[in-house]
Structures are given as structure tokens and as C-alpha cells.
Amino acid sequence: MAAGQRRFGHAEVFASIFALSFLAARFLPLLGLGIQCPLRAATGIPCATCGMTRAFVAMAHGDPARALAASPLGALGAAGAWAFAAAAALRLALGLPWPRVGPRAARAAAAAGAAALLANWAWVVVAHRS
């Protein structure tokens, strides 16, 4: 291993969390806990992340249609998180470095993520009116 090359760092910690989120969504009765969104309980308006737990659980059970209906961003987030976990495991196994991301690309990704969260919130509010 070259000097300065890390084998397990922040990216791998997040990848481990993502992998554990899959296991939790697949094998724990998360939807049966009866936890309700505090914003929705108080105002009747779903929050920006409403439906994401249902989307993660549906994706973990191989039901992307149900996941997309619960939260499009939640479904994409679950798929992306678990793909990242798989890529991290593969990268570690092969001893490959992560690609470098410049500050401009990082800012663009952050802006795209914020826009996706706002668009998802608008969709959830319209689609899940009670």
C-alpha cells in the first residue's frame, strides 16, 4: 500500500452505515413501531423526508414501485446508498482509491441534493394529502 493511501476512512464508515440500513430495513419491523412524523402529526403536512422509511423498507424487500410511491427520493436514496456500500466493499477488496471530487463538483452535488429534497417534499405533500 502506498504511503498516505487509506484503506478505511470516512467513506467506508458511511458505506458501513448504509449497509446496516439495508439490514435494518430488510429484517427489522420498522414500519410496525408506530412512530409518526412530528410535523405531520402537528400540522397535517408531511415533512421533507416523510415516506423515506417506507421507501427504504420497500426497496429492501425488492418492491421499487411501492418505494417510489412512498417517496421517490427515498427510493433513489436507498438504491444509491446500497450501491455505494457495494462499491466501497469492492474498492476495499481490490485496494483501489476513491476518485477525487473537486470543490466545484461537490457544490454542484450539494445543490442538486437540495433541489431533489425540495422537489421530493413538494411531491410528497401533493401525493399524500390526507
N, C-alpha and C. Protein backbone atom coordinates (compact mmCIF):
# COMPACT_ATOMS: atom_id res chain seq x y z
N MET A 1 0.85 -1.18 0.00
CA MET A 1 0.00 0.00 0.00
C MET A 1 0.89 1.23 0.00
N ALA A 2 0.58 2.21 -0.85
CA ALA A 2 1.38 3.41 -0.98
C ALA A 2 1.22 4.27 0.27
N ALA A 3 2.25 5.06 0.56
CA ALA A 3 2.20 5.95 1.71
C ALA A 3 1.07 6.95 1.52
N GLY A 4 0.32 7.19 2.57
CA GLY A 4 -0.78 8.15 2.52
C GLY A 4 -2.08 7.57 1.98
N GLN A 5 -2.08 6.39 1.44
CA GLN A 5 -3.31 5.79 0.93
C GLN A 5 -4.05 5.14 2.09
N ARG A 6 -5.26 5.56 2.32
CA ARG A 6 -6.02 4.99 3.42
C ARG A 6 -6.86 3.83 2.94
N ARG A 7 -7.04 2.88 3.82
CA ARG A 7 -7.83 1.71 3.47
C ARG A 7 -9.23 1.80 4.04
N PHE A 8 -9.38 2.46 5.19
CA PHE A 8 -10.69 2.56 5.81
C PHE A 8 -10.82 3.95 6.41
N GLY A 9 -11.70 4.76 5.84
CA GLY A 9 -11.87 6.14 6.29
C GLY A 9 -13.34 6.53 6.35
N HIS A 10 -13.60 7.82 6.20
CA HIS A 10 -14.96 8.34 6.29
C HIS A 10 -15.91 7.66 5.30
N ALA A 11 -15.47 7.51 4.07
CA ALA A 11 -16.33 6.90 3.05
C ALA A 11 -16.73 5.49 3.45
N GLU A 12 -15.80 4.75 4.01
CA GLU A 12 -16.10 3.38 4.41
C GLU A 12 -17.01 3.34 5.64
N VAL A 13 -16.88 4.32 6.52
CA VAL A 13 -17.80 4.40 7.67
C VAL A 13 -19.22 4.62 7.16
N PHE A 14 -19.39 5.56 6.24
CA PHE A 14 -20.72 5.79 5.66
C PHE A 14 -21.21 4.56 4.92
N ALA A 15 -20.33 3.90 4.19
CA ALA A 15 -20.72 2.68 3.47
C ALA A 15 -21.20 1.61 4.46
N SER A 16 -20.54 1.51 5.60
CA SER A 16 -20.96 0.54 6.61
C SER A 16 -22.33 0.90 7.17
N ILE A 17 -22.56 2.18 7.41
CA ILE A 17 -23.88 2.63 7.88
C ILE A 17 -24.94 2.32 6.84
N PHE A 18 -24.63 2.56 5.57
CA PHE A 18 -25.59 2.27 4.50
C PHE A 18 -25.90 0.79 4.44
N ALA A 19 -24.88 -0.04 4.59
CA ALA A 19 -25.11 -1.49 4.57
C ALA A 19 -25.98 -1.91 5.76
N LEU A 20 -25.72 -1.34 6.92
CA LEU A 20 -26.55 -1.64 8.09
C LEU A 20 -27.98 -1.15 7.91
N SER A 21 -28.15 -0.04 7.18
CA SER A 21 -29.52 0.46 6.94
C SER A 21 -30.30 -0.53 6.09
N PHE A 22 -29.62 -1.19 5.16
CA PHE A 22 -30.29 -2.21 4.37
C PHE A 22 -30.73 -3.36 5.27
N LEU A 23 -29.83 -3.84 6.12
CA LEU A 23 -30.16 -4.95 7.01
C LEU A 23 -31.32 -4.58 7.94
N ALA A 24 -31.30 -3.36 8.47
CA ALA A 24 -32.39 -2.92 9.34
C ALA A 24 -33.70 -2.86 8.57
N ALA A 25 -33.66 -2.28 7.38
CA ALA A 25 -34.89 -2.15 6.58
C ALA A 25 -35.42 -3.51 6.15
N ARG A 26 -34.53 -4.45 5.94
CA ARG A 26 -34.95 -5.76 5.46
C ARG A 26 -35.44 -6.67 6.58
N PHE A 27 -34.80 -6.61 7.74
CA PHE A 27 -35.07 -7.62 8.76
C PHE A 27 -35.72 -7.12 10.05
N LEU A 28 -35.80 -5.82 10.27
CA LEU A 28 -36.44 -5.31 11.48
C LEU A 28 -37.84 -4.80 11.16
N PRO A 29 -38.77 -4.91 12.08
CA PRO A 29 -40.15 -4.44 11.83
C PRO A 29 -40.27 -2.93 12.01
N LEU A 30 -39.55 -2.16 11.22
CA LEU A 30 -39.51 -0.71 11.38
C LEU A 30 -40.87 -0.05 11.20
N LEU A 31 -41.66 -0.56 10.26
CA LEU A 31 -42.96 0.06 10.00
C LEU A 31 -43.98 -0.26 11.09
N GLY A 32 -43.72 -1.26 11.89
CA GLY A 32 -44.64 -1.64 12.95
C GLY A 32 -44.38 -0.93 14.27
N LEU A 33 -43.40 -0.02 14.29
CA LEU A 33 -43.07 0.67 15.54
C LEU A 33 -44.08 1.75 15.91
N GLY A 34 -44.88 2.18 14.94
CA GLY A 34 -45.91 3.17 15.21
C GLY A 34 -45.40 4.59 15.39
N ILE A 35 -44.19 4.86 14.92
CA ILE A 35 -43.63 6.21 15.03
C ILE A 35 -44.22 7.06 13.92
N GLN A 36 -44.72 8.23 14.30
CA GLN A 36 -45.34 9.13 13.33
C GLN A 36 -44.48 10.38 13.17
N CYS A 37 -44.49 10.96 12.00
CA CYS A 37 -43.77 12.20 11.72
C CYS A 37 -44.32 13.30 12.63
N PRO A 38 -43.46 13.95 13.43
CA PRO A 38 -43.95 15.01 14.32
C PRO A 38 -44.58 16.19 13.58
N LEU A 39 -44.00 16.59 12.44
CA LEU A 39 -44.58 17.71 11.69
C LEU A 39 -45.96 17.35 11.17
N ARG A 40 -46.08 16.15 10.62
CA ARG A 40 -47.38 15.72 10.09
C ARG A 40 -48.41 15.56 11.20
N ALA A 41 -47.98 15.05 12.36
CA ALA A 41 -48.89 14.89 13.50
C ALA A 41 -49.38 16.25 13.99
N ALA A 42 -48.50 17.26 13.98
CA ALA A 42 -48.86 18.58 14.49
C ALA A 42 -49.63 19.43 13.48
N THR A 43 -49.28 19.30 12.19
CA THR A 43 -49.85 20.21 11.19
C THR A 43 -50.67 19.52 10.11
N GLY A 44 -50.50 18.22 9.96
CA GLY A 44 -51.15 17.51 8.86
C GLY A 44 -50.36 17.58 7.57
N ILE A 45 -49.23 18.30 7.59
CA ILE A 45 -48.38 18.45 6.40
C ILE A 45 -47.18 17.52 6.55
N PRO A 46 -46.91 16.66 5.57
CA PRO A 46 -45.75 15.78 5.67
C PRO A 46 -44.45 16.59 5.60
N CYS A 47 -43.43 16.10 6.28
CA CYS A 47 -42.13 16.77 6.23
C CYS A 47 -41.39 16.38 4.95
N ALA A 48 -40.22 16.98 4.76
CA ALA A 48 -39.44 16.74 3.54
C ALA A 48 -38.97 15.30 3.42
N THR A 49 -38.89 14.59 4.52
CA THR A 49 -38.42 13.21 4.47
C THR A 49 -39.53 12.19 4.75
N CYS A 50 -40.77 12.64 4.82
CA CYS A 50 -41.88 11.70 5.04
C CYS A 50 -41.90 10.64 3.94
N GLY A 51 -42.07 9.42 4.33
CA GLY A 51 -42.13 8.31 3.39
C GLY A 51 -40.81 7.63 3.13
N MET A 52 -39.71 8.21 3.62
CA MET A 52 -38.41 7.62 3.31
C MET A 52 -38.20 6.28 4.01
N THR A 53 -38.68 6.13 5.24
CA THR A 53 -38.55 4.84 5.90
C THR A 53 -39.34 3.79 5.14
N ARG A 54 -40.56 4.12 4.74
CA ARG A 54 -41.37 3.17 3.95
C ARG A 54 -40.67 2.86 2.63
N ALA A 55 -40.04 3.86 2.02
CA ALA A 55 -39.33 3.64 0.75
C ALA A 55 -38.13 2.72 0.96
N PHE A 56 -37.36 2.93 2.02
CA PHE A 56 -36.21 2.07 2.30
C PHE A 56 -36.66 0.64 2.55
N VAL A 57 -37.73 0.47 3.34
CA VAL A 57 -38.23 -0.88 3.63
C VAL A 57 -38.71 -1.55 2.35
N ALA A 58 -39.46 -0.82 1.52
CA ALA A 58 -39.95 -1.40 0.27
C ALA A 58 -38.79 -1.79 -0.65
N MET A 59 -37.78 -0.93 -0.75
CA MET A 59 -36.62 -1.27 -1.59
C MET A 59 -35.89 -2.49 -1.04
N ALA A 60 -35.75 -2.57 0.28
CA ALA A 60 -35.06 -3.72 0.87
C ALA A 60 -35.83 -5.01 0.65
N HIS A 61 -37.13 -4.90 0.43
CA HIS A 61 -37.96 -6.08 0.16
C HIS A 61 -38.17 -6.29 -1.34
N GLY A 62 -37.44 -5.54 -2.16
CA GLY A 62 -37.50 -5.73 -3.61
C GLY A 62 -38.75 -5.20 -4.27
N ASP A 63 -39.35 -4.14 -3.72
CA ASP A 63 -40.57 -3.57 -4.27
C ASP A 63 -40.36 -2.10 -4.63
N PRO A 64 -39.66 -1.82 -5.75
CA PRO A 64 -39.38 -0.43 -6.11
C PRO A 64 -40.63 0.39 -6.43
N ALA A 65 -41.67 -0.22 -6.94
CA ALA A 65 -42.89 0.55 -7.23
C ALA A 65 -43.49 1.11 -5.95
N ARG A 66 -43.56 0.29 -4.92
CA ARG A 66 -44.09 0.75 -3.63
C ARG A 66 -43.15 1.79 -3.02
N ALA A 67 -41.85 1.60 -3.20
CA ALA A 67 -40.87 2.55 -2.67
C ALA A 67 -41.02 3.91 -3.35
N LEU A 68 -41.17 3.92 -4.66
CA LEU A 68 -41.34 5.18 -5.39
C LEU A 68 -42.64 5.87 -5.01
N ALA A 69 -43.69 5.10 -4.75
CA ALA A 69 -44.96 5.69 -4.34
C ALA A 69 -44.85 6.33 -2.96
N ALA A 70 -44.05 5.75 -2.08
CA ALA A 70 -43.89 6.30 -0.73
C ALA A 70 -43.04 7.57 -0.75
N SER A 71 -41.94 7.54 -1.49
CA SER A 71 -41.03 8.68 -1.57
C SER A 71 -40.04 8.43 -2.70
N PRO A 72 -40.16 9.15 -3.81
CA PRO A 72 -39.22 8.95 -4.91
C PRO A 72 -37.76 9.15 -4.48
N LEU A 73 -37.50 10.19 -3.70
CA LEU A 73 -36.13 10.43 -3.25
C LEU A 73 -35.68 9.35 -2.27
N GLY A 74 -36.59 8.85 -1.46
CA GLY A 74 -36.25 7.76 -0.55
C GLY A 74 -35.86 6.50 -1.31
N ALA A 75 -36.60 6.19 -2.37
CA ALA A 75 -36.28 5.02 -3.19
C ALA A 75 -34.92 5.18 -3.86
N LEU A 76 -34.68 6.35 -4.45
CA LEU A 76 -33.38 6.61 -5.09
C LEU A 76 -32.26 6.66 -4.06
N GLY A 77 -32.56 7.23 -2.90
CA GLY A 77 -31.56 7.29 -1.84
C GLY A 77 -31.16 5.91 -1.35
N ALA A 78 -32.15 5.04 -1.18
CA ALA A 78 -31.87 3.67 -0.74
C ALA A 78 -31.01 2.96 -1.77
N ALA A 79 -31.42 3.03 -3.02
CA ALA A 79 -30.65 2.36 -4.08
C ALA A 79 -29.24 2.92 -4.16
N GLY A 80 -29.10 4.24 -4.08
CA GLY A 80 -27.79 4.86 -4.15
C GLY A 80 -26.91 4.52 -2.96
N ALA A 81 -27.51 4.53 -1.77
CA ALA A 81 -26.74 4.22 -0.56
C ALA A 81 -26.22 2.80 -0.61
N TRP A 82 -27.07 1.88 -1.01
CA TRP A 82 -26.66 0.48 -1.03
C TRP A 82 -25.68 0.20 -2.17
N ALA A 83 -25.80 0.91 -3.28
CA ALA A 83 -24.82 0.79 -4.36
C ALA A 83 -23.47 1.33 -3.89
N PHE A 84 -23.50 2.43 -3.13
CA PHE A 84 -22.28 2.99 -2.58
C PHE A 84 -21.61 2.00 -1.63
N ALA A 85 -22.41 1.34 -0.79
CA ALA A 85 -21.86 0.34 0.14
C ALA A 85 -21.20 -0.80 -0.63
N ALA A 86 -21.84 -1.25 -1.69
CA ALA A 86 -21.27 -2.33 -2.51
C ALA A 86 -19.99 -1.86 -3.20
N ALA A 87 -19.99 -0.63 -3.71
CA ALA A 87 -18.79 -0.09 -4.36
C ALA A 87 -17.64 0.04 -3.37
N ALA A 88 -17.95 0.45 -2.14
CA ALA A 88 -16.91 0.59 -1.12
C ALA A 88 -16.31 -0.78 -0.78
N ALA A 89 -17.15 -1.79 -0.67
CA ALA A 89 -16.65 -3.13 -0.38
C ALA A 89 -15.76 -3.62 -1.52
N LEU A 90 -16.20 -3.39 -2.74
CA LEU A 90 -15.41 -3.79 -3.90
C LEU A 90 -14.09 -3.02 -3.95
N ARG A 91 -14.16 -1.72 -3.69
CA ARG A 91 -12.96 -0.89 -3.69
C ARG A 91 -11.96 -1.38 -2.64
N LEU A 92 -12.45 -1.69 -1.45
CA LEU A 92 -11.57 -2.21 -0.40
C LEU A 92 -10.97 -3.56 -0.80
N ALA A 93 -11.80 -4.43 -1.37
CA ALA A 93 -11.31 -5.75 -1.77
C ALA A 93 -10.23 -5.66 -2.84
N LEU A 94 -10.37 -4.70 -3.74
CA LEU A 94 -9.41 -4.56 -4.84
C LEU A 94 -8.27 -3.60 -4.51
N GLY A 95 -8.37 -2.91 -3.37
CA GLY A 95 -7.33 -1.96 -2.98
C GLY A 95 -7.26 -0.73 -3.85
N LEU A 96 -8.40 -0.32 -4.41
CA LEU A 96 -8.43 0.83 -5.30
C LEU A 96 -8.73 2.11 -4.51
N PRO A 97 -8.22 3.26 -4.98
CA PRO A 97 -8.53 4.53 -4.31
C PRO A 97 -9.90 5.06 -4.75
N TRP A 98 -10.46 5.92 -3.92
CA TRP A 98 -11.68 6.61 -4.33
C TRP A 98 -11.31 7.68 -5.34
N PRO A 99 -12.19 7.96 -6.29
CA PRO A 99 -11.90 9.07 -7.22
C PRO A 99 -11.94 10.40 -6.46
N ARG A 100 -11.14 11.33 -6.90
CA ARG A 100 -11.11 12.66 -6.28
C ARG A 100 -12.31 13.47 -6.78
N VAL A 101 -12.94 14.18 -5.86
CA VAL A 101 -14.05 15.06 -6.20
C VAL A 101 -13.61 16.48 -5.87
N GLY A 102 -13.64 17.33 -6.86
CA GLY A 102 -13.22 18.72 -6.65
C GLY A 102 -14.30 19.53 -5.96
N PRO A 103 -13.95 20.71 -5.48
CA PRO A 103 -14.91 21.54 -4.76
C PRO A 103 -16.09 21.97 -5.63
N ARG A 104 -15.85 22.20 -6.89
CA ARG A 104 -16.95 22.62 -7.78
C ARG A 104 -17.97 21.49 -7.95
N ALA A 105 -17.48 20.27 -8.14
CA ALA A 105 -18.38 19.12 -8.26
C ALA A 105 -19.11 18.87 -6.95
N ALA A 106 -18.44 19.07 -5.81
CA ALA A 106 -19.08 18.88 -4.51
C ALA A 106 -20.19 19.90 -4.31
N ARG A 107 -19.95 21.16 -4.68
CA ARG A 107 -21.00 22.19 -4.56
C ARG A 107 -22.17 21.88 -5.49
N ALA A 108 -21.89 21.41 -6.69
CA ALA A 108 -22.96 21.06 -7.63
C ALA A 108 -23.78 19.89 -7.09
N ALA A 109 -23.12 18.91 -6.50
CA ALA A 109 -23.83 17.77 -5.92
C ALA A 109 -24.69 18.21 -4.74
N ALA A 110 -24.18 19.11 -3.91
CA ALA A 110 -24.95 19.62 -2.77
C ALA A 110 -26.18 20.39 -3.25
N ALA A 111 -26.01 21.21 -4.27
CA ALA A 111 -27.14 21.97 -4.82
C ALA A 111 -28.17 21.03 -5.44
N ALA A 112 -27.71 20.03 -6.16
CA ALA A 112 -28.63 19.05 -6.76
C ALA A 112 -29.37 18.29 -5.66
N GLY A 113 -28.68 17.94 -4.59
CA GLY A 113 -29.33 17.24 -3.48
C GLY A 113 -30.39 18.09 -2.82
N ALA A 114 -30.09 19.37 -2.61
CA ALA A 114 -31.08 20.28 -2.01
C ALA A 114 -32.29 20.44 -2.92
N ALA A 115 -32.05 20.57 -4.21
CA ALA A 115 -33.16 20.70 -5.16
C ALA A 115 -33.99 19.42 -5.19
N ALA A 116 -33.33 18.26 -5.14
CA ALA A 116 -34.06 16.99 -5.13
C ALA A 116 -34.90 16.85 -3.86
N LEU A 117 -34.37 17.29 -2.72
CA LEU A 117 -35.13 17.22 -1.48
C LEU A 117 -36.36 18.12 -1.53
N LEU A 118 -36.22 19.32 -2.08
CA LEU A 118 -37.37 20.22 -2.20
C LEU A 118 -38.41 19.65 -3.18
N ALA A 119 -37.94 19.11 -4.30
CA ALA A 119 -38.87 18.51 -5.27
C ALA A 119 -39.59 17.31 -4.67
N ASN A 120 -38.86 16.49 -3.91
CA ASN A 120 -39.47 15.34 -3.26
C ASN A 120 -40.51 15.79 -2.24
N TRP A 121 -40.19 16.84 -1.49
CA TRP A 121 -41.14 17.35 -0.49
C TRP A 121 -42.42 17.81 -1.17
N ALA A 122 -42.28 18.55 -2.27
CA ALA A 122 -43.46 19.00 -3.00
C ALA A 122 -44.28 17.80 -3.47
N TRP A 123 -43.63 16.79 -3.99
CA TRP A 123 -44.33 15.60 -4.47
C TRP A 123 -45.05 14.90 -3.32
N VAL A 124 -44.37 14.74 -2.19
CA VAL A 124 -44.96 14.05 -1.04
C VAL A 124 -46.17 14.82 -0.53
N VAL A 125 -46.06 16.15 -0.46
CA VAL A 125 -47.18 16.97 0.02
C VAL A 125 -48.39 16.79 -0.88
N VAL A 126 -48.18 16.82 -2.19
CA VAL A 126 -49.30 16.69 -3.15
C VAL A 126 -49.84 15.26 -3.18
N ALA A 127 -48.95 14.29 -3.22
CA ALA A 127 -49.37 12.89 -3.39
C ALA A 127 -49.98 12.30 -2.13
N HIS A 128 -49.61 12.80 -0.97
CA HIS A 128 -50.05 12.18 0.28
C HIS A 128 -50.94 13.12 1.11
N ARG A 129 -51.73 13.94 0.42
CA ARG A 129 -52.69 14.79 1.15
C ARG A 129 -53.69 13.90 1.85
N SER A 130 -53.95 14.22 3.12
CA SER A 130 -54.93 13.39 3.85
C SER A 130 -56.25 14.09 3.99
